[in-house]
Amino acid sequence: MLKTITLVGIGGAIGSILRYLASTGIQSKFFSAFPYGTMCVNISGCLLIGVIYAFAERNNISPEWRFFLATGICGGYTTFSTFSYESLSLLRDGEIFYATAYIASSVVLGVLATFLPTIIIEKL
């Protein structure tokens, strides 16, 4: 268990650094309020986790490597990639209702959870 936690932590640190470098580097190329850097990180993170899981399924890589790459690096890079993979897994399993509910509730509740504290703090 300690080995797995260590691998996830190291991967998370690497992913977080990569997220910062990629996001700020990409965003600096655009003169716009649109968050191109974050969007590119989220999409590339989805591509990366798809490659990791596809490779893991075909080549039987160890759970330690999957934790390091998917949970650690991709998790540090973007949790959006995990959200996308879980949504795709539900769709592949034919769980259309659960996939739709998960996608819709994650987006709506995520935006509300981000917005709600600003309202509360303004009232204090």
N, C-alpha and C. Protein backbone atom coordinates (compact mmCIF):
# COMPACT_ATOMS: atom_id res chain seq x y z
N MET A 1 0.82 -1.20 0.00
CA MET A 1 0.00 0.00 0.00
C MET A 1 0.87 1.26 0.00
N LEU A 2 1.92 1.27 0.80
CA LEU A 2 2.82 2.43 0.86
C LEU A 2 3.50 2.65 -0.49
N LYS A 3 3.86 1.55 -1.15
CA LYS A 3 4.48 1.67 -2.47
C LYS A 3 3.53 2.33 -3.46
N THR A 4 2.27 1.91 -3.45
CA THR A 4 1.26 2.49 -4.35
C THR A 4 1.04 3.96 -4.05
N ILE A 5 0.93 4.32 -2.78
CA ILE A 5 0.73 5.72 -2.39
C ILE A 5 1.91 6.57 -2.84
N THR A 6 3.11 6.03 -2.68
CA THR A 6 4.31 6.75 -3.10
C THR A 6 4.32 6.96 -4.61
N LEU A 7 3.98 5.91 -5.36
CA LEU A 7 3.94 6.03 -6.82
C LEU A 7 2.90 7.05 -7.27
N VAL A 8 1.72 7.01 -6.66
CA VAL A 8 0.67 7.97 -7.00
C VAL A 8 1.13 9.39 -6.65
N GLY A 9 1.77 9.56 -5.51
CA GLY A 9 2.25 10.88 -5.10
C GLY A 9 3.32 11.44 -6.03
N ILE A 10 4.27 10.60 -6.41
CA ILE A 10 5.32 11.04 -7.33
C ILE A 10 4.71 11.37 -8.69
N GLY A 11 3.82 10.49 -9.17
CA GLY A 11 3.15 10.75 -10.44
C GLY A 11 2.32 12.01 -10.39
N GLY A 12 1.63 12.24 -9.27
CA GLY A 12 0.82 13.45 -9.10
C GLY A 12 1.66 14.71 -9.15
N ALA A 13 2.83 14.67 -8.53
CA ALA A 13 3.72 15.82 -8.56
C ALA A 13 4.18 16.10 -9.99
N ILE A 14 4.55 15.05 -10.71
CA ILE A 14 4.97 15.21 -12.10
C ILE A 14 3.82 15.77 -12.94
N GLY A 15 2.62 15.20 -12.77
CA GLY A 15 1.47 15.66 -13.53
C GLY A 15 1.11 17.12 -13.24
N SER A 16 1.20 17.51 -11.98
CA SER A 16 0.88 18.90 -11.61
C SER A 16 1.86 19.88 -12.24
N ILE A 17 3.13 19.53 -12.23
CA ILE A 17 4.14 20.39 -12.86
C ILE A 17 3.89 20.47 -14.36
N LEU A 18 3.60 19.33 -14.97
CA LEU A 18 3.30 19.33 -16.41
C LEU A 18 2.06 20.16 -16.73
N ARG A 19 1.03 20.05 -15.87
CA ARG A 19 -0.19 20.85 -16.08
C ARG A 19 0.14 22.34 -16.05
N TYR A 20 0.90 22.76 -15.06
CA TYR A 20 1.25 24.18 -14.94
C TYR A 20 2.03 24.65 -16.17
N LEU A 21 3.05 23.90 -16.55
CA LEU A 21 3.88 24.29 -17.68
C LEU A 21 3.09 24.32 -18.99
N ALA A 22 2.29 23.27 -19.21
CA ALA A 22 1.51 23.21 -20.46
C ALA A 22 0.45 24.29 -20.50
N SER A 23 -0.30 24.44 -19.42
CA SER A 23 -1.40 25.40 -19.40
C SER A 23 -0.90 26.83 -19.57
N THR A 24 0.10 27.21 -18.81
CA THR A 24 0.61 28.59 -18.92
C THR A 24 1.32 28.81 -20.25
N GLY A 25 2.03 27.79 -20.72
CA GLY A 25 2.72 27.92 -22.01
C GLY A 25 1.75 28.09 -23.16
N ILE A 26 0.70 27.29 -23.16
CA ILE A 26 -0.30 27.38 -24.23
C ILE A 26 -1.07 28.70 -24.12
N GLN A 27 -1.51 29.05 -22.91
CA GLN A 27 -2.31 30.26 -22.73
C GLN A 27 -1.54 31.51 -23.14
N SER A 28 -0.22 31.49 -22.94
CA SER A 28 0.58 32.67 -23.28
C SER A 28 0.62 32.94 -24.78
N LYS A 29 0.23 31.95 -25.57
CA LYS A 29 0.23 32.11 -27.04
C LYS A 29 -1.05 32.78 -27.55
N PHE A 30 -2.05 32.89 -26.67
CA PHE A 30 -3.34 33.46 -27.07
C PHE A 30 -3.61 34.74 -26.29
N PHE A 31 -4.15 35.72 -26.96
CA PHE A 31 -4.53 36.96 -26.31
C PHE A 31 -6.05 36.97 -26.17
N SER A 32 -6.52 36.12 -25.27
CA SER A 32 -7.95 35.93 -25.10
C SER A 32 -8.24 35.51 -23.68
N ALA A 33 -9.46 35.84 -23.22
CA ALA A 33 -9.89 35.40 -21.89
C ALA A 33 -10.31 33.93 -21.90
N PHE A 34 -10.53 33.36 -23.09
CA PHE A 34 -10.91 31.95 -23.17
C PHE A 34 -9.77 31.10 -22.65
N PRO A 35 -10.05 30.14 -21.78
CA PRO A 35 -8.98 29.34 -21.16
C PRO A 35 -8.45 28.23 -22.08
N TYR A 36 -7.77 28.63 -23.14
CA TYR A 36 -7.22 27.65 -24.08
C TYR A 36 -6.24 26.69 -23.41
N GLY A 37 -5.43 27.22 -22.50
CA GLY A 37 -4.45 26.37 -21.83
C GLY A 37 -5.11 25.24 -21.06
N THR A 38 -6.12 25.57 -20.27
CA THR A 38 -6.83 24.55 -19.48
C THR A 38 -7.54 23.57 -20.40
N MET A 39 -8.19 24.08 -21.44
CA MET A 39 -8.90 23.21 -22.36
C MET A 39 -7.93 22.22 -23.02
N CYS A 40 -6.79 22.70 -23.46
CA CYS A 40 -5.81 21.82 -24.09
C CYS A 40 -5.27 20.79 -23.11
N VAL A 41 -5.06 21.19 -21.87
CA VAL A 41 -4.61 20.24 -20.85
C VAL A 41 -5.68 19.18 -20.63
N ASN A 42 -6.94 19.59 -20.50
CA ASN A 42 -8.01 18.62 -20.29
C ASN A 42 -8.13 17.63 -21.45
N ILE A 43 -8.09 18.13 -22.67
CA ILE A 43 -8.23 17.25 -23.84
C ILE A 43 -7.01 16.34 -23.98
N SER A 44 -5.82 16.89 -23.80
CA SER A 44 -4.62 16.05 -23.91
C SER A 44 -4.57 15.03 -22.77
N GLY A 45 -5.08 15.39 -21.59
CA GLY A 45 -5.16 14.45 -20.48
C GLY A 45 -6.10 13.30 -20.79
N CYS A 46 -7.21 13.61 -21.46
CA CYS A 46 -8.15 12.57 -21.88
C CYS A 46 -7.48 11.63 -22.89
N LEU A 47 -6.76 12.20 -23.83
CA LEU A 47 -6.05 11.38 -24.81
C LEU A 47 -5.01 10.50 -24.11
N LEU A 48 -4.28 11.08 -23.18
CA LEU A 48 -3.24 10.34 -22.47
C LEU A 48 -3.81 9.18 -21.64
N ILE A 49 -4.90 9.43 -20.91
CA ILE A 49 -5.46 8.34 -20.11
C ILE A 49 -6.06 7.26 -21.00
N GLY A 50 -6.58 7.65 -22.16
CA GLY A 50 -7.07 6.66 -23.12
C GLY A 50 -5.94 5.79 -23.63
N VAL A 51 -4.81 6.40 -23.93
CA VAL A 51 -3.63 5.64 -24.40
C VAL A 51 -3.14 4.71 -23.30
N ILE A 52 -3.08 5.21 -22.07
CA ILE A 52 -2.60 4.40 -20.94
C ILE A 52 -3.48 3.18 -20.74
N TYR A 53 -4.79 3.39 -20.68
CA TYR A 53 -5.68 2.26 -20.44
C TYR A 53 -5.74 1.29 -21.62
N ALA A 54 -5.69 1.81 -22.84
CA ALA A 54 -5.67 0.93 -24.01
C ALA A 54 -4.40 0.09 -24.02
N PHE A 55 -3.28 0.73 -23.73
CA PHE A 55 -2.01 0.02 -23.67
C PHE A 55 -2.00 -0.99 -22.53
N ALA A 56 -2.55 -0.60 -21.39
CA ALA A 56 -2.58 -1.48 -20.22
C ALA A 56 -3.41 -2.74 -20.50
N GLU A 57 -4.53 -2.57 -21.21
CA GLU A 57 -5.38 -3.71 -21.52
C GLU A 57 -4.72 -4.68 -22.50
N ARG A 58 -4.00 -4.14 -23.46
CA ARG A 58 -3.37 -4.99 -24.48
C ARG A 58 -2.06 -5.61 -24.00
N ASN A 59 -1.36 -4.92 -23.12
CA ASN A 59 -0.01 -5.36 -22.75
C ASN A 59 0.11 -5.80 -21.30
N ASN A 60 -1.01 -5.83 -20.59
CA ASN A 60 -1.03 -6.33 -19.22
C ASN A 60 0.05 -5.67 -18.33
N ILE A 61 0.05 -4.35 -18.30
CA ILE A 61 1.03 -3.69 -17.44
C ILE A 61 0.59 -3.80 -15.98
N SER A 62 1.53 -3.72 -15.10
CA SER A 62 1.27 -3.96 -13.68
C SER A 62 0.36 -2.89 -13.08
N PRO A 63 -0.35 -3.24 -12.02
CA PRO A 63 -1.18 -2.24 -11.33
C PRO A 63 -0.36 -1.04 -10.85
N GLU A 64 0.88 -1.29 -10.43
CA GLU A 64 1.73 -0.18 -9.96
C GLU A 64 1.96 0.85 -11.07
N TRP A 65 2.25 0.37 -12.27
CA TRP A 65 2.46 1.28 -13.39
C TRP A 65 1.16 2.02 -13.73
N ARG A 66 0.02 1.32 -13.69
CA ARG A 66 -1.26 1.98 -13.96
C ARG A 66 -1.55 3.06 -12.92
N PHE A 67 -1.30 2.77 -11.65
CA PHE A 67 -1.51 3.77 -10.61
C PHE A 67 -0.59 4.97 -10.83
N PHE A 68 0.67 4.70 -11.14
CA PHE A 68 1.64 5.79 -11.36
C PHE A 68 1.23 6.65 -12.55
N LEU A 69 0.90 6.01 -13.67
CA LEU A 69 0.59 6.75 -14.90
C LEU A 69 -0.80 7.38 -14.89
N ALA A 70 -1.83 6.56 -14.61
CA ALA A 70 -3.21 7.05 -14.72
C ALA A 70 -3.63 7.87 -13.50
N THR A 71 -3.52 7.28 -12.31
CA THR A 71 -3.96 7.99 -11.11
C THR A 71 -2.98 9.10 -10.75
N GLY A 72 -1.69 8.81 -10.84
CA GLY A 72 -0.68 9.79 -10.46
C GLY A 72 -0.51 10.90 -11.49
N ILE A 73 0.12 10.56 -12.61
CA ILE A 73 0.43 11.59 -13.61
C ILE A 73 -0.84 12.21 -14.19
N CYS A 74 -1.76 11.37 -14.69
CA CYS A 74 -3.00 11.93 -15.27
C CYS A 74 -3.83 12.64 -14.21
N GLY A 75 -3.87 12.08 -13.00
CA GLY A 75 -4.63 12.72 -11.92
C GLY A 75 -4.05 14.07 -11.54
N GLY A 76 -2.73 14.16 -11.53
CA GLY A 76 -2.09 15.44 -11.25
C GLY A 76 -2.22 16.40 -12.42
N TYR A 77 -2.19 15.85 -13.62
CA TYR A 77 -2.28 16.66 -14.83
C TYR A 77 -3.70 17.20 -15.00
N THR A 78 -4.70 16.33 -14.85
CA THR A 78 -6.09 16.75 -14.93
C THR A 78 -7.01 15.64 -14.45
N THR A 79 -7.95 15.97 -13.57
CA THR A 79 -8.94 14.98 -13.17
C THR A 79 -10.03 14.86 -14.24
N PHE A 80 -10.05 15.77 -15.18
CA PHE A 80 -11.01 15.69 -16.27
C PHE A 80 -10.82 14.41 -17.06
N SER A 81 -9.57 13.95 -17.15
CA SER A 81 -9.30 12.71 -17.88
C SER A 81 -9.97 11.52 -17.20
N THR A 82 -9.95 11.48 -15.89
CA THR A 82 -10.61 10.40 -15.15
C THR A 82 -12.12 10.48 -15.36
N PHE A 83 -12.67 11.68 -15.27
CA PHE A 83 -14.10 11.89 -15.51
C PHE A 83 -14.48 11.37 -16.89
N SER A 84 -13.69 11.69 -17.90
CA SER A 84 -13.99 11.25 -19.26
C SER A 84 -13.90 9.74 -19.38
N TYR A 85 -12.89 9.14 -18.77
CA TYR A 85 -12.73 7.69 -18.85
C TYR A 85 -13.89 6.98 -18.15
N GLU A 86 -14.28 7.46 -16.98
CA GLU A 86 -15.39 6.85 -16.25
C GLU A 86 -16.70 6.99 -17.03
N SER A 87 -16.89 8.14 -17.66
CA SER A 87 -18.08 8.35 -18.50
C SER A 87 -18.09 7.37 -19.67
N LEU A 88 -16.95 7.23 -20.32
CA LEU A 88 -16.83 6.30 -21.44
C LEU A 88 -17.07 4.86 -20.98
N SER A 89 -16.55 4.50 -19.81
CA SER A 89 -16.75 3.14 -19.28
C SER A 89 -18.23 2.86 -19.06
N LEU A 90 -18.96 3.83 -18.52
CA LEU A 90 -20.39 3.66 -18.32
C LEU A 90 -21.11 3.49 -19.66
N LEU A 91 -20.73 4.28 -20.65
CA LEU A 91 -21.34 4.17 -21.98
C LEU A 91 -21.03 2.82 -22.61
N ARG A 92 -19.78 2.38 -22.50
CA ARG A 92 -19.40 1.07 -23.05
C ARG A 92 -20.17 -0.07 -22.40
N ASP A 93 -20.45 0.09 -21.11
CA ASP A 93 -21.19 -0.94 -20.37
C ASP A 93 -22.70 -0.86 -20.61
N GLY A 94 -23.12 0.07 -21.46
CA GLY A 94 -24.53 0.21 -21.77
C GLY A 94 -25.33 0.95 -20.71
N GLU A 95 -24.64 1.57 -19.80
CA GLU A 95 -25.30 2.30 -18.71
C GLU A 95 -25.57 3.75 -19.13
N ILE A 96 -26.44 3.91 -20.13
CA ILE A 96 -26.71 5.23 -20.71
C ILE A 96 -27.27 6.19 -19.67
N PHE A 97 -28.22 5.72 -18.85
CA PHE A 97 -28.80 6.58 -17.83
C PHE A 97 -27.74 7.05 -16.85
N TYR A 98 -26.94 6.12 -16.34
CA TYR A 98 -25.90 6.49 -15.37
C TYR A 98 -24.84 7.41 -16.00
N ALA A 99 -24.47 7.13 -17.25
CA ALA A 99 -23.50 7.98 -17.94
C ALA A 99 -24.03 9.40 -18.09
N THR A 100 -25.27 9.51 -18.54
CA THR A 100 -25.88 10.84 -18.71
C THR A 100 -26.01 11.56 -17.38
N ALA A 101 -26.46 10.84 -16.36
CA ALA A 101 -26.60 11.45 -15.04
C ALA A 101 -25.25 11.88 -14.49
N TYR A 102 -24.23 11.04 -14.67
CA TYR A 102 -22.89 11.36 -14.17
C TYR A 102 -22.33 12.59 -14.88
N ILE A 103 -22.45 12.63 -16.19
CA ILE A 103 -21.91 13.76 -16.95
C ILE A 103 -22.64 15.05 -16.59
N ALA A 104 -23.96 15.01 -16.64
CA ALA A 104 -24.75 16.22 -16.35
C ALA A 104 -24.56 16.69 -14.92
N SER A 105 -24.65 15.77 -13.97
CA SER A 105 -24.54 16.18 -12.57
C SER A 105 -23.12 16.65 -12.24
N SER A 106 -22.11 16.04 -12.82
CA SER A 106 -20.74 16.48 -12.56
C SER A 106 -20.51 17.90 -13.06
N VAL A 107 -20.99 18.19 -14.25
CA VAL A 107 -20.79 19.54 -14.81
C VAL A 107 -21.61 20.56 -14.03
N VAL A 108 -22.90 20.29 -13.87
CA VAL A 108 -23.78 21.27 -13.19
C VAL A 108 -23.36 21.45 -11.73
N LEU A 109 -23.18 20.35 -11.01
CA LEU A 109 -22.82 20.47 -9.60
C LEU A 109 -21.42 21.03 -9.41
N GLY A 110 -20.51 20.69 -10.33
CA GLY A 110 -19.16 21.25 -10.25
C GLY A 110 -19.15 22.76 -10.41
N VAL A 111 -19.91 23.26 -11.37
CA VAL A 111 -19.99 24.71 -11.58
C VAL A 111 -20.67 25.36 -10.38
N LEU A 112 -21.75 24.77 -9.89
CA LEU A 112 -22.43 25.32 -8.70
C LEU A 112 -21.52 25.30 -7.47
N ALA A 113 -20.78 24.22 -7.28
CA ALA A 113 -19.89 24.12 -6.13
C ALA A 113 -18.77 25.15 -6.20
N THR A 114 -18.37 25.49 -7.40
CA THR A 114 -17.35 26.52 -7.57
C THR A 114 -17.93 27.91 -7.34
N PHE A 115 -19.17 28.11 -7.76
CA PHE A 115 -19.82 29.41 -7.67
C PHE A 115 -20.36 29.71 -6.28
N LEU A 116 -20.92 28.73 -5.61
CA LEU A 116 -21.58 28.93 -4.32
C LEU A 116 -20.71 29.62 -3.26
N PRO A 117 -19.46 29.24 -3.09
CA PRO A 117 -18.64 29.93 -2.08
C PRO A 117 -18.47 31.42 -2.34
N THR A 118 -18.47 31.83 -3.62
CA THR A 118 -18.33 33.26 -3.90
C THR A 118 -19.54 34.03 -3.38
N ILE A 119 -20.72 33.42 -3.48
CA ILE A 119 -21.94 34.05 -2.95
C ILE A 119 -21.88 34.14 -1.43
N ILE A 120 -21.48 33.05 -0.82
CA ILE A 120 -21.41 32.99 0.65
C ILE A 120 -20.38 33.97 1.18
N ILE A 121 -19.21 34.00 0.56
CA ILE A 121 -18.15 34.89 1.03
C ILE A 121 -18.54 36.35 0.84
N GLU A 122 -19.23 36.68 -0.22
CA GLU A 122 -19.69 38.05 -0.44
C GLU A 122 -20.64 38.50 0.67
N LYS A 123 -21.41 37.57 1.23
CA LYS A 123 -22.39 37.89 2.26
C LYS A 123 -21.73 38.08 3.64
N LEU A 124 -20.51 37.59 3.81
CA LEU A 124 -19.83 37.69 5.10
C LEU A 124 -19.29 39.08 5.37
